[in-house]
Amino acid sequence: MKQLKKILLIDDDASINFLHSEVLKHYTISANYELMDSSKAAMEAIQNSKAQELPDLILLDLNMPVFNGWDFLDEMSVQIEAIQKIPTVILTSSVNPDDIEQSKGYTNVIGFLSKPLDVEELTELMKLYRASTT
């Protein structure tokens, strides 16, 4: 599996962030992970990053306080093109079909997966990423 240079995990649940980072490390998906427990802080970090520091992939939870995943995606859509095009996978506990449908309205959202990330979903995640970058 091709290793990504950087993955940004955004989830307000520290235990989920830890679990996901351990799964990704175990399968050597990326050498560099950034864990953010606030989508607002994550957006500010992205906005202040140089182009070469932007993540290859964002894993985004939807249900977060103050600035949720939808707010984050809306904010991404009005940023510079390099930010708008970062492939994003929604990784959430939501099973609401409306959320899946709504996610299709964002051009950078390449998939919608359920938490927690396991080997099966990791394989799907990499398929989605490869398909979005070819």
C-alpha atoms as a PDB file:
ATOM      1  CA  MET A   1       0.000   0.000   0.000  1.00  0.00           C
ATOM      2  CA  LYS A   2       1.387   3.416  -0.976  1.00  0.00           C
ATOM      3  CA  GLN A   3       2.182   5.491   2.076  1.00  0.00           C
ATOM      4  CA  LEU A   4       0.633   8.953   2.314  1.00  0.00           C
ATOM      5  CA  LYS A   5       2.797  11.803   3.510  1.00  0.00           C
ATOM      6  CA  LYS A   6       0.243  13.193   5.985  1.00  0.00           C
ATOM      7  CA  ILE A   7      -3.216  12.329   7.291  1.00  0.00           C
ATOM      8  CA  LEU A   8      -5.291  14.732   9.360  1.00  0.00           C
ATOM      9  CA  LEU A   9      -7.715  13.049  11.789  1.00  0.00           C
ATOM     10  CA  ILE A  10     -10.452  15.350  13.091  1.00  0.00           C
ATOM     11  CA  ASP A  11     -12.624  13.967  15.875  1.00  0.00           C
ATOM     12  CA  ASP A  12     -13.571  15.359  19.279  1.00  0.00           C
ATOM     13  CA  ASP A  13     -13.238  11.876  20.839  1.00  0.00           C
ATOM     14  CA  ALA A  14      -9.617  11.410  21.951  1.00  0.00           C
ATOM     15  CA  SER A  15      -9.973   7.649  22.300  1.00  0.00           C
ATOM     16  CA  ILE A  16     -11.249   7.339  18.714  1.00  0.00           C
ATOM     17  CA  ASN A  17      -8.384   9.523  17.441  1.00  0.00           C
ATOM     18  CA  PHE A  18      -5.912   7.308  19.302  1.00  0.00           C
ATOM     19  CA  LEU A  19      -7.507   4.099  17.988  1.00  0.00           C
ATOM     20  CA  HIS A  20      -7.565   5.353  14.402  1.00  0.00           C
ATOM     21  CA  SER A  21      -3.969   6.586  14.535  1.00  0.00           C
ATOM     22  CA  GLU A  22      -2.842   3.190  15.889  1.00  0.00           C
ATOM     23  CA  VAL A  23      -4.673   1.334  13.105  1.00  0.00           C
ATOM     24  CA  LEU A  24      -3.154   3.616  10.479  1.00  0.00           C
ATOM     25  CA  LYS A  25       0.343   3.258  11.980  1.00  0.00           C
ATOM     26  CA  HIS A  26       0.017  -0.520  12.181  1.00  0.00           C
ATOM     27  CA  TYR A  27      -0.775  -0.714   8.483  1.00  0.00           C
ATOM     28  CA  THR A  28       1.829   1.979   7.630  1.00  0.00           C
ATOM     29  CA  ILE A  29      -0.633   4.129   5.721  1.00  0.00           C
ATOM     30  CA  SER A  30       1.219   7.317   6.644  1.00  0.00           C
ATOM     31  CA  ALA A  31       4.349   8.305   8.489  1.00  0.00           C
ATOM     32  CA  ASN A  32       2.769  11.532   9.692  1.00  0.00           C
ATOM     33  CA  TYR A  33      -0.549  11.972  11.489  1.00  0.00           C
ATOM     34  CA  GLU A  34      -2.033  15.085  12.908  1.00  0.00           C
ATOM     35  CA  LEU A  35      -4.784  14.566  15.467  1.00  0.00           C
ATOM     36  CA  MET A  36      -7.183  17.436  16.051  1.00  0.00           C
ATOM     37  CA  ASP A  37     -10.095  17.343  18.492  1.00  0.00           C
ATOM     38  CA  SER A  38     -11.686  20.499  17.093  1.00  0.00           C
ATOM     39  CA  SER A  39     -12.714  21.088  13.496  1.00  0.00           C
ATOM     40  CA  LYS A  40     -12.392  24.852  14.037  1.00  0.00           C
ATOM     41  CA  ALA A  41      -8.768  24.461  15.190  1.00  0.00           C
ATOM     42  CA  ALA A  42      -8.138  22.069  12.292  1.00  0.00           C
ATOM     43  CA  MET A  43      -9.441  24.619   9.777  1.00  0.00           C
ATOM     44  CA  GLU A  44      -7.241  27.329  11.275  1.00  0.00           C
ATOM     45  CA  ALA A  45      -4.205  25.022  11.073  1.00  0.00           C
ATOM     46  CA  ILE A  46      -4.969  24.214   7.422  1.00  0.00           C
ATOM     47  CA  GLN A  47      -5.433  27.894   6.560  1.00  0.00           C
ATOM     48  CA  ASN A  48      -2.049  28.686   8.129  1.00  0.00           C
ATOM     49  CA  SER A  49      -0.222  25.841   6.363  1.00  0.00           C
ATOM     50  CA  LYS A  50       2.016  26.158   3.354  1.00  0.00           C
ATOM     51  CA  ALA A  51       0.860  24.163   0.315  1.00  0.00           C
ATOM     52  CA  GLN A  52       3.495  21.457   0.846  1.00  0.00           C
ATOM     53  CA  GLU A  53       2.335  21.036   4.478  1.00  0.00           C
ATOM     54  CA  LEU A  54      -1.301  20.324   3.622  1.00  0.00           C
ATOM     55  CA  PRO A  55      -2.533  16.809   4.395  1.00  0.00           C
ATOM     56  CA  ASP A  56      -2.940  14.231   1.645  1.00  0.00           C
ATOM     57  CA  LEU A  57      -6.141  13.046   3.280  1.00  0.00           C
ATOM     58  CA  ILE A  58      -8.577  14.236   5.949  1.00  0.00           C
ATOM     59  CA  LEU A  59     -10.631  11.850   8.094  1.00  0.00           C
ATOM     60  CA  LEU A  60     -13.526  13.903   9.444  1.00  0.00           C
ATOM     61  CA  ASP A  61     -16.153  13.234  12.091  1.00  0.00           C
ATOM     62  CA  LEU A  62     -19.486  14.986  11.606  1.00  0.00           C
ATOM     63  CA  ASN A  63     -20.833  15.239  15.136  1.00  0.00           C
ATOM     64  CA  MET A  64     -18.676  17.698  17.016  1.00  0.00           C
ATOM     65  CA  PRO A  65     -19.596  20.645  19.234  1.00  0.00           C
ATOM     66  CA  VAL A  66     -19.435  24.300  18.135  1.00  0.00           C
ATOM     67  CA  PHE A  67     -18.071  23.774  14.578  1.00  0.00           C
ATOM     68  CA  ASN A  68     -19.256  20.404  13.281  1.00  0.00           C
ATOM     69  CA  GLY A  69     -18.096  18.413  10.271  1.00  0.00           C
ATOM     70  CA  TRP A  70     -20.598  20.112   7.955  1.00  0.00           C
ATOM     71  CA  ASP A  71     -19.335  23.538   9.062  1.00  0.00           C
ATOM     72  CA  PHE A  72     -15.792  22.351   8.346  1.00  0.00           C
ATOM     73  CA  LEU A  73     -16.743  21.152   4.840  1.00  0.00           C
ATOM     74  CA  ASP A  74     -18.585  24.414   4.120  1.00  0.00           C
ATOM     75  CA  GLU A  75     -15.516  26.390   5.187  1.00  0.00           C
ATOM     76  CA  MET A  76     -13.241  24.190   3.043  1.00  0.00           C
ATOM     77  CA  SER A  77     -15.376  24.961  -0.016  1.00  0.00           C
ATOM     78  CA  VAL A  78     -14.561  28.695   0.148  1.00  0.00           C
ATOM     79  CA  GLN A  79     -10.810  28.330   0.683  1.00  0.00           C
ATOM     80  CA  ILE A  80      -8.031  28.397  -1.909  1.00  0.00           C
ATOM     81  CA  GLU A  81      -8.135  25.616  -4.486  1.00  0.00           C
ATOM     82  CA  ALA A  82      -5.396  23.556  -2.821  1.00  0.00           C
ATOM     83  CA  ILE A  83      -7.510  23.335   0.339  1.00  0.00           C
ATOM     84  CA  GLN A  84     -10.779  22.746  -1.534  1.00  0.00           C
ATOM     85  CA  LYS A  85      -9.250  19.709  -3.251  1.00  0.00           C
ATOM     86  CA  ILE A  86      -7.935  17.834  -0.205  1.00  0.00           C
ATOM     87  CA  PRO A  87      -9.595  14.404  -0.362  1.00  0.00           C
ATOM     88  CA  THR A  88     -11.824  13.994   2.681  1.00  0.00           C
ATOM     89  CA  VAL A  89     -13.433  10.876   4.071  1.00  0.00           C
ATOM     90  CA  ILE A  90     -16.250  11.269   6.542  1.00  0.00           C
ATOM     91  CA  LEU A  91     -15.547   8.806   9.331  1.00  0.00           C
ATOM     92  CA  THR A  92     -18.482   8.971  11.695  1.00  0.00           C
ATOM     93  CA  SER A  93     -20.873   7.056  13.917  1.00  0.00           C
ATOM     94  CA  SER A  94     -23.826   8.515  12.000  1.00  0.00           C
ATOM     95  CA  VAL A  95     -25.909   6.011  10.089  1.00  0.00           C
ATOM     96  CA  ASN A  96     -28.370   8.630   8.903  1.00  0.00           C
ATOM     97  CA  PRO A  97     -29.000   8.176   5.139  1.00  0.00           C
ATOM     98  CA  ASP A  98     -29.535  11.950   4.887  1.00  0.00           C
ATOM     99  CA  ASP A  99     -25.925  12.498   6.021  1.00  0.00           C
ATOM    100  CA  ILE A 100     -24.655  10.155   3.306  1.00  0.00           C
ATOM    101  CA  GLU A 101     -26.753  11.989   0.721  1.00  0.00           C
ATOM    102  CA  GLN A 102     -25.634  15.419   1.974  1.00  0.00           C
ATOM    103  CA  SER A 103     -21.967  14.383   1.800  1.00  0.00           C
ATOM    104  CA  LYS A 104     -22.337  13.806  -1.955  1.00  0.00           C
ATOM    105  CA  GLY A 105     -22.767  17.561  -2.380  1.00  0.00           C
ATOM    106  CA  TYR A 106     -19.109  18.187  -1.479  1.00  0.00           C
ATOM    107  CA  THR A 107     -16.666  17.587  -4.320  1.00  0.00           C
ATOM    108  CA  ASN A 108     -13.753  16.831  -1.978  1.00  0.00           C
ATOM    109  CA  VAL A 109     -15.654  14.163  -0.008  1.00  0.00           C
ATOM    110  CA  ILE A 110     -14.526  10.862  -1.474  1.00  0.00           C
ATOM    111  CA  GLY A 111     -16.235   8.517   0.951  1.00  0.00           C
ATOM    112  CA  PHE A 112     -18.433   7.980   3.966  1.00  0.00           C
ATOM    113  CA  LEU A 113     -17.323   5.303   6.446  1.00  0.00           C
ATOM    114  CA  SER A 114     -18.509   4.209   9.876  1.00  0.00           C
ATOM    115  CA  LYS A 115     -16.393   4.399  13.013  1.00  0.00           C
ATOM    116  CA  PRO A 116     -14.323   2.759  14.235  1.00  0.00           C
ATOM    117  CA  LEU A 117     -11.844   2.255  11.418  1.00  0.00           C
ATOM    118  CA  ASP A 118     -10.976  -1.411  10.976  1.00  0.00           C
ATOM    119  CA  VAL A 119      -9.013  -3.404   8.395  1.00  0.00           C
ATOM    120  CA  GLU A 120     -11.994  -3.715   6.063  1.00  0.00           C
ATOM    121  CA  GLU A 121     -12.736   0.000   6.162  1.00  0.00           C
ATOM    122  CA  LEU A 122      -9.035   0.812   5.888  1.00  0.00           C
ATOM    123  CA  THR A 123      -8.921  -1.140   2.630  1.00  0.00           C
ATOM    124  CA  GLU A 124     -11.990   0.761   1.420  1.00  0.00           C
ATOM    125  CA  LEU A 125     -10.412   4.046   2.534  1.00  0.00           C
ATOM    126  CA  MET A 126      -7.307   3.404   0.425  1.00  0.00           C
ATOM    127  CA  LYS A 127      -9.419   2.398  -2.597  1.00  0.00           C
ATOM    128  CA  LEU A 128     -11.359   5.651  -2.284  1.00  0.00           C
ATOM    129  CA  TYR A 129      -8.144   7.657  -1.946  1.00  0.00           C
ATOM    130  CA  ARG A 130      -6.455   5.999  -4.944  1.00  0.00           C
ATOM    131  CA  ALA A 131      -9.579   6.512  -7.081  1.00  0.00           C
ATOM    132  CA  SER A 132      -9.697  10.206  -6.163  1.00  0.00           C
ATOM    133  CA  THR A 133      -6.078  10.869  -7.075  1.00  0.00           C
ATOM    134  CA  THR A 134      -5.931   9.158 -10.463  1.00  0.00           C
END
